[in-house]
Amino acid sequence: MRMLSDAVSNGSVEVVGRGPATRYKLTPQAHITMELNLDTYFDKDIDERQVQTAFNFELINVFCPM
């Protein structure tokens, strides 16, 4: 629970909902800045990898707020 609280406080995780319905998701900033383990990435066949098919325009708001 402490690790989750730290991740929320540093902006890597976003809290959605309250009480028993609480869910946690990675922020767009976390998707960009988190480490990528290349060994596990290349262990999967190219057709099995989860890839992004379009540019994420939300990144502009995350890294260049107006």
C-alpha atoms as a PDB file:
ATOM      1  CA  MET A   1       0.000   0.000   0.000  1.00  0.00           C
ATOM      2  CA  ARG A   2       2.922   2.327   0.716  1.00  0.00           C
ATOM      3  CA  MET A   3       4.331   1.808  -2.782  1.00  0.00           C
ATOM      4  CA  LEU A   4       0.945   2.629  -4.283  1.00  0.00           C
ATOM      5  CA  SER A   5       0.678   5.797  -2.185  1.00  0.00           C
ATOM      6  CA  ASP A   6       4.167   6.844  -3.322  1.00  0.00           C
ATOM      7  CA  ALA A   7       3.249   6.248  -6.962  1.00  0.00           C
ATOM      8  CA  VAL A   8       0.095   8.355  -6.582  1.00  0.00           C
ATOM      9  CA  SER A   9       1.990  11.176  -4.863  1.00  0.00           C
ATOM     10  CA  ASN A  10       4.708  11.328  -7.542  1.00  0.00           C
ATOM     11  CA  GLY A  11       2.142  11.373 -10.369  1.00  0.00           C
ATOM     12  CA  SER A  12       2.785   7.922 -11.848  1.00  0.00           C
ATOM     13  CA  VAL A  13      -0.595   6.480 -10.844  1.00  0.00           C
ATOM     14  CA  GLU A  14      -4.048   8.045 -10.989  1.00  0.00           C
ATOM     15  CA  VAL A  15      -6.843   7.099  -8.566  1.00  0.00           C
ATOM     16  CA  VAL A  16     -10.277   6.553 -10.089  1.00  0.00           C
ATOM     17  CA  GLY A  17     -13.326   6.097  -7.849  1.00  0.00           C
ATOM     18  CA  ARG A  18     -13.600   5.719  -4.082  1.00  0.00           C
ATOM     19  CA  GLY A  19     -14.012   3.025  -1.469  1.00  0.00           C
ATOM     20  CA  PRO A  20     -14.461  -0.548  -2.716  1.00  0.00           C
ATOM     21  CA  ALA A  21     -14.823   0.750  -6.284  1.00  0.00           C
ATOM     22  CA  THR A  22     -11.358   2.368  -6.260  1.00  0.00           C
ATOM     23  CA  ARG A  23      -9.281   1.650  -9.364  1.00  0.00           C
ATOM     24  CA  TYR A  24      -5.762   2.718 -10.214  1.00  0.00           C
ATOM     25  CA  LYS A  25      -4.297   3.426 -13.636  1.00  0.00           C
ATOM     26  CA  LEU A  26      -0.975   4.604 -14.999  1.00  0.00           C
ATOM     27  CA  THR A  27      -0.780   8.232 -16.043  1.00  0.00           C
ATOM     28  CA  PRO A  28       0.409   9.148 -19.563  1.00  0.00           C
ATOM     29  CA  GLN A  29       3.629  10.443 -17.986  1.00  0.00           C
ATOM     30  CA  ALA A  30       4.274   7.043 -16.391  1.00  0.00           C
ATOM     31  CA  HIS A  31       3.858   5.282 -19.738  1.00  0.00           C
ATOM     32  CA  ILE A  32       6.635   7.434 -21.168  1.00  0.00           C
ATOM     33  CA  THR A  33       9.059   7.497 -18.254  1.00  0.00           C
ATOM     34  CA  MET A  34       8.831   3.925 -16.952  1.00  0.00           C
ATOM     35  CA  GLU A  35      11.618   1.481 -17.705  1.00  0.00           C
ATOM     36  CA  LEU A  36      11.182  -0.977 -20.553  1.00  0.00           C
ATOM     37  CA  ASN A  37      12.601  -4.461 -20.153  1.00  0.00           C
ATOM     38  CA  LEU A  38      13.771  -5.296 -23.672  1.00  0.00           C
ATOM     39  CA  ASP A  39      14.258  -8.985 -22.897  1.00  0.00           C
ATOM     40  CA  THR A  40      10.590  -9.512 -22.032  1.00  0.00           C
ATOM     41  CA  TYR A  41       9.488  -7.241 -24.879  1.00  0.00           C
ATOM     42  CA  PHE A  42      11.354  -9.249 -27.503  1.00  0.00           C
ATOM     43  CA  ASP A  43      10.358 -12.609 -25.944  1.00  0.00           C
ATOM     44  CA  LYS A  44       6.906 -12.132 -27.481  1.00  0.00           C
ATOM     45  CA  ASP A  45       6.312 -12.625 -31.177  1.00  0.00           C
ATOM     46  CA  ILE A  46       5.864  -9.362 -33.084  1.00  0.00           C
ATOM     47  CA  ASP A  47       2.137 -10.089 -33.571  1.00  0.00           C
ATOM     48  CA  GLU A  48       1.603 -10.670 -29.828  1.00  0.00           C
ATOM     49  CA  ARG A  49       3.148  -7.399 -28.621  1.00  0.00           C
ATOM     50  CA  GLN A  50       0.925  -4.621 -27.372  1.00  0.00           C
ATOM     51  CA  VAL A  51       1.714  -1.587 -29.503  1.00  0.00           C
ATOM     52  CA  GLN A  52       0.301   1.892 -29.866  1.00  0.00           C
ATOM     53  CA  THR A  53      -1.063   2.451 -33.366  1.00  0.00           C
ATOM     54  CA  ALA A  54      -1.418   6.244 -33.296  1.00  0.00           C
ATOM     55  CA  PHE A  55       0.278   9.251 -31.745  1.00  0.00           C
ATOM     56  CA  ASN A  56      -0.908  10.047 -28.223  1.00  0.00           C
ATOM     57  CA  PHE A  57      -1.758  13.765 -28.375  1.00  0.00           C
ATOM     58  CA  GLU A  58      -2.358  13.796 -24.602  1.00  0.00           C
ATOM     59  CA  LEU A  59       1.445  13.758 -24.221  1.00  0.00           C
ATOM     60  CA  ILE A  60       1.561  17.357 -25.392  1.00  0.00           C
ATOM     61  CA  ASN A  61      -0.654  18.371 -22.468  1.00  0.00           C
ATOM     62  CA  VAL A  62       1.381  16.304 -20.005  1.00  0.00           C
ATOM     63  CA  PHE A  63       4.816  17.609 -20.969  1.00  0.00           C
ATOM     64  CA  CYS A  64       3.943  21.077 -22.316  1.00  0.00           C
ATOM     65  CA  PRO A  65       1.063  22.405 -20.203  1.00  0.00           C
ATOM     66  CA  MET A  66      -0.359  25.697 -21.404  1.00  0.00           C
END
